[in-house]
Every structure is written in C-alpha cells, then in structure tokens.
Amino acid sequence: MDSIISALHIPVTIAILLFSVIIHEVSHGLVAEKLGDPTARRQGRITLNPIPHIDLVGSIILPAMAVLMHLPLLGWAKPVPIDIRQFRDPMRDFAITALAGPVSNLAQVMVYTIIFHVALRLEWSFLVFIGYWGIYINLLLAMFNLLPVPPLDGSRLIAAAMPRDMGWQFLSVGRYGFMILMLLIFTGALRPLFALVGILHSAIVY
C-alpha cells in the first residue's frame, strides 16, 4: 500500500487541489446568485465539472512548478464571473461573496479531518493520505485567499471596511495582482503564512 501511495502522491494531491479550488469557486457563484447575480449560473460555472474551471496557470503550471521545485502545493481555478451591478449593495455583497470561498475551504478542512481520523483509527492508509493532504491544501487555500492582496478574497473584505471610493481604488490594484502574488511566492515573503499553515495542520493531525 505504501508503494501505491508513493506512486500516486503527485496526481492525488493535485486532484485534491483541483477539487478544492473548484468548490471554492462554485461557492462564490452560489452566494453571488443568492445575492442577486446569476452570471456564474448563466455561464455554466455552477458545476463540479473541472473543465470550465481550469486555469492554465493556476490549475496546471503553478502546481506542476510547486511539485518540481518542492514548494507548497498552491493553485487556483478560473475565477467565476461576478457582475457587481446585480447586487443591492455592490461593495458589501462583493465582500460576502468573497468570504464564501475561504469558508468553503474551512468546511472542507472539517470534512477531511473526519476522514483522516476515522481512516487512521481503521488503518485505511489511502484515506489517511487523502485526509492528510486535504486538510493541508484547504488550510493553505483558506489562508492564502484571505491575504489582503487584490484580487484575493481578503482584499474584498478589507475594501468593504474602507470608505467606498477608497475601497474601489484599492480593488483596482487587482490588475497587477498576478505579478504581486508571483513576487510574494517566489521571493519567500509568504514563508510565515506557510509556517502558520504547517502549525495548524500539525495541531489537527497529531
């Protein structure tokens, strides 16, 4: 069994990552729909089918680089389309929609924690492996997405606490968000975040 787990380590962890980010994005879409914006539904993004959600960089290139360079496994799916003009209170409802993503990851942490501890007691090695990495990946996704860097979810929560004009100006930085995130990741600026995730992960599994 250990040899099978070792052979499947990379594809299984990437599959867990992809499933986790899809749940994250679908959660955004469902909450946006509840708040009056059906755009994600109309564009076929309220689905667990991975094809509409795959982002070339976030779903394929970055996870592959992380594996090859022995970096924390991190990635994202294609963001669901949000039309803030459909919201009654655009800034507030945009923040609520954003919060749905990290909350969905924390909910997945709870599910994977149950899987891990039940499988550990029953000595089901493969499910222990899935639970272990499901917990880690979803903790990392939740914490990463709560960073106050546009266009991550945390930036929308920060913007909602600002005066409206200032909040929208802050969110406009999102056009440079990808470059900022790559800089943070590859300069090691996010090491404290990864360390915190490691501490939380250890507290759950040990």
Protein backbone atom coordinates (compact mmCIF):
# COMPACT_ATOMS: atom_id res chain seq x y z
CA MET A 1 0.00 0.00 0.00
CA ASP A 2 2.83 2.41 0.83
CA SER A 3 4.34 1.91 -2.63
CA ILE A 4 0.95 2.61 -4.25
CA ILE A 5 0.52 5.79 -2.19
CA SER A 6 4.02 6.91 -3.11
CA ALA A 7 3.34 6.36 -6.81
CA LEU A 8 0.03 8.25 -6.64
CA HIS A 9 1.29 11.08 -4.44
CA ILE A 10 1.55 13.76 -7.12
CA PRO A 11 -1.64 13.03 -9.13
CA VAL A 12 -3.76 12.55 -6.00
CA THR A 13 -2.58 15.74 -4.30
CA ILE A 14 -3.12 17.74 -7.50
CA ALA A 15 -6.59 16.18 -7.81
CA ILE A 16 -7.39 17.23 -4.22
CA LEU A 17 -6.14 20.74 -5.00
CA LEU A 18 -8.24 20.98 -8.16
CA PHE A 19 -11.37 19.69 -6.40
CA SER A 20 -10.81 22.11 -3.52
CA VAL A 21 -10.43 25.19 -5.72
CA ILE A 22 -13.49 24.18 -7.76
CA ILE A 23 -15.58 24.01 -4.57
CA HIS A 24 -14.11 27.40 -3.65
CA GLU A 25 -15.19 28.98 -6.94
CA VAL A 26 -18.61 27.30 -7.03
CA SER A 27 -19.22 28.69 -3.53
CA HIS A 28 -18.53 32.21 -4.82
CA GLY A 29 -21.00 31.64 -7.62
CA LEU A 30 -23.74 30.21 -5.40
CA VAL A 31 -23.53 33.07 -2.89
CA ALA A 32 -23.45 35.66 -5.69
CA GLU A 33 -26.59 34.05 -7.10
CA LYS A 34 -28.30 34.26 -3.71
CA LEU A 35 -27.40 37.95 -3.57
CA GLY A 36 -28.90 38.65 -6.99
CA ASP A 37 -26.17 37.92 -9.54
CA PRO A 38 -26.91 34.86 -11.73
CA THR A 39 -23.91 35.43 -14.05
CA ALA A 40 -21.99 32.34 -12.92
CA ARG A 41 -25.08 30.15 -13.38
CA ARG A 42 -25.74 31.55 -16.85
CA GLN A 43 -22.14 30.89 -17.92
CA GLY A 44 -22.21 27.27 -16.71
CA ARG A 45 -19.83 27.78 -13.79
CA ILE A 46 -22.04 26.34 -11.05
CA THR A 47 -20.75 22.84 -11.73
CA LEU A 48 -18.25 20.35 -10.35
CA ASN A 49 -17.13 19.52 -13.88
CA PRO A 50 -13.47 20.65 -13.80
CA ILE A 51 -13.23 21.68 -17.46
CA PRO A 52 -14.97 25.10 -17.19
CA HIS A 53 -12.91 25.92 -14.09
CA ILE A 54 -9.39 25.05 -15.24
CA ASP A 55 -6.97 27.97 -15.37
CA LEU A 56 -3.81 27.27 -17.36
CA VAL A 57 -1.51 28.97 -14.85
CA GLY A 58 -3.27 28.37 -11.55
CA SER A 59 -4.57 24.85 -12.19
CA ILE A 60 -1.71 23.37 -14.21
CA ILE A 61 1.54 25.37 -14.47
CA LEU A 62 1.86 26.62 -10.87
CA PRO A 63 1.00 23.25 -9.20
CA ALA A 64 3.45 21.48 -11.54
CA MET A 65 6.18 24.01 -10.69
CA ALA A 66 5.43 23.63 -6.99
CA VAL A 67 5.90 19.87 -7.23
CA LEU A 68 9.10 20.14 -9.27
CA MET A 69 10.61 22.84 -7.03
CA HIS A 70 9.39 21.24 -3.76
CA LEU A 71 7.32 24.31 -2.88
CA PRO A 72 3.97 24.24 -1.03
CA LEU A 73 1.27 22.98 -3.39
CA LEU A 74 -0.73 26.05 -4.29
CA GLY A 75 -3.03 26.97 -7.15
CA TRP A 76 -6.40 28.31 -8.19
CA ALA A 77 -9.24 27.75 -10.62
CA LYS A 78 -10.54 30.25 -13.15
CA PRO A 79 -12.47 32.88 -11.15
CA VAL A 80 -16.23 32.70 -11.52
CA PRO A 81 -17.67 35.76 -13.27
CA ILE A 82 -19.27 38.25 -10.88
CA ASP A 83 -21.36 41.21 -12.05
CA ILE A 84 -21.47 43.55 -9.05
CA ARG A 85 -24.12 45.67 -10.79
CA GLN A 86 -26.60 42.93 -9.91
CA PHE A 87 -26.02 43.38 -6.17
CA ARG A 88 -28.18 45.63 -3.99
CA ASP A 89 -25.11 46.85 -2.14
CA PRO A 90 -22.17 46.16 -4.50
CA MET A 91 -19.30 46.58 -2.02
CA ARG A 92 -20.97 44.71 0.84
CA ASP A 93 -22.30 41.89 -1.32
CA PHE A 94 -18.97 41.59 -3.16
CA ALA A 95 -17.29 41.07 0.23
CA ILE A 96 -19.87 38.47 1.30
CA THR A 97 -19.39 36.65 -2.00
CA ALA A 98 -15.62 36.73 -1.50
CA LEU A 99 -15.87 35.32 2.02
CA ALA A 100 -17.74 32.27 0.70
CA GLY A 101 -14.54 30.92 -0.88
CA PRO A 102 -12.34 30.65 2.24
CA VAL A 103 -15.35 29.47 4.27
CA SER A 104 -15.82 26.63 1.79
CA ASN A 105 -12.17 25.65 2.26
CA LEU A 106 -12.56 25.62 6.04
CA ALA A 107 -15.65 23.45 5.66
CA GLN A 108 -13.56 21.06 3.56
CA VAL A 109 -10.92 21.05 6.31
CA MET A 110 -13.60 19.77 8.69
CA VAL A 111 -14.65 17.02 6.25
CA TYR A 112 -11.07 15.93 5.59
CA THR A 113 -10.34 15.98 9.33
CA ILE A 114 -13.14 13.47 9.91
CA ILE A 115 -11.88 11.33 7.02
CA PHE A 116 -8.33 11.44 8.36
CA HIS A 117 -9.09 10.47 11.95
CA VAL A 118 -11.64 7.78 11.07
CA ALA A 119 -9.29 6.27 8.48
CA LEU A 120 -6.39 6.46 10.93
CA ARG A 121 -8.35 4.50 13.51
CA LEU A 122 -9.41 1.93 10.90
CA GLU A 123 -5.88 1.83 9.43
CA TRP A 124 -7.06 2.67 5.92
CA SER A 125 -3.78 4.09 4.63
CA PHE A 126 -5.02 5.57 1.38
CA LEU A 127 -7.83 7.52 3.06
CA VAL A 128 -5.38 8.66 5.74
CA PHE A 129 -3.24 10.04 2.92
CA ILE A 130 -6.22 11.78 1.29
CA GLY A 131 -7.38 13.26 4.60
CA TYR A 132 -3.86 14.43 5.49
CA TRP A 133 -3.36 16.35 2.25
CA GLY A 134 -6.98 17.50 2.05
CA ILE A 135 -6.55 19.23 5.41
CA TYR A 136 -3.25 20.84 4.44
CA ILE A 137 -4.32 22.04 1.00
CA ASN A 138 -7.57 23.56 2.20
CA LEU A 139 -5.94 25.29 5.17
CA LEU A 140 -3.42 26.77 2.75
CA LEU A 141 -6.12 27.85 0.28
CA ALA A 142 -8.19 29.48 3.02
CA MET A 143 -5.24 31.38 4.50
CA PHE A 144 -3.79 32.33 1.10
CA ASN A 145 -7.08 33.68 -0.19
CA LEU A 146 -7.56 35.78 2.94
CA LEU A 147 -4.39 37.75 2.17
CA PRO A 148 -5.29 41.43 1.64
CA VAL A 149 -3.86 41.46 -1.89
CA PRO A 150 -6.23 42.29 -4.75
CA PRO A 151 -7.82 40.30 -6.32
CA LEU A 152 -7.72 37.73 -3.49
CA ASP A 153 -10.80 37.38 -1.30
CA GLY A 154 -9.17 39.08 1.67
CA SER A 155 -8.76 42.29 -0.31
CA ARG A 156 -12.53 42.50 -0.83
CA LEU A 157 -13.12 42.18 2.91
CA ILE A 158 -10.61 44.98 3.54
CA ALA A 159 -12.17 47.14 0.82
CA ALA A 160 -15.63 46.74 2.37
CA ALA A 161 -14.28 48.24 5.62
CA MET A 162 -12.88 51.29 3.81
CA PRO A 163 -14.73 54.41 2.63
CA ARG A 164 -16.39 53.38 -0.62
CA ASP A 165 -14.28 55.42 -3.05
CA MET A 166 -11.07 54.33 -1.33
CA GLY A 167 -12.26 50.71 -1.34
CA TRP A 168 -12.85 50.67 -5.09
CA GLN A 169 -9.47 52.32 -5.71
CA PHE A 170 -7.82 49.65 -3.56
CA LEU A 171 -9.51 46.86 -5.51
CA SER A 172 -8.34 48.40 -8.80
CA VAL A 173 -4.81 47.26 -7.85
CA GLY A 174 -6.08 43.79 -8.78
CA ARG A 175 -4.94 44.38 -12.37
CA TYR A 176 -1.41 43.90 -11.03
CA GLY A 177 -2.42 41.16 -8.62
CA PHE A 178 -0.86 38.27 -10.51
CA MET A 179 2.55 39.94 -10.61
CA ILE A 180 2.32 40.84 -6.93
CA LEU A 181 1.41 37.28 -5.97
CA MET A 182 4.20 35.75 -8.04
CA LEU A 183 6.64 38.17 -6.42
CA LEU A 184 5.42 37.23 -2.93
CA ILE A 185 5.58 33.50 -3.65
CA PHE A 186 8.99 33.33 -5.30
CA THR A 187 10.76 35.82 -3.00
CA GLY A 188 9.79 33.81 0.07
CA ALA A 189 7.65 36.60 1.51
CA LEU A 190 4.89 34.08 2.20
CA ARG A 191 7.04 31.80 4.34
CA PRO A 192 5.33 32.98 7.57
CA LEU A 193 1.98 32.06 6.03
CA PHE A 194 3.23 28.59 5.07
CA ALA A 195 4.69 28.16 8.57
CA LEU A 196 1.35 29.08 10.16
CA VAL A 197 -0.46 26.61 7.93
CA GLY A 198 2.05 23.94 8.96
CA ILE A 199 1.43 24.64 12.65
CA LEU A 200 -2.37 24.47 12.22
CA HIS A 201 -2.07 21.31 10.14
CA SER A 202 0.07 19.62 12.77
CA ALA A 203 -2.39 20.58 15.50
CA ILE A 204 -5.19 18.85 13.57
CA VAL A 205 -3.46 15.65 12.54
CA TYR A 206 -1.33 14.94 15.63
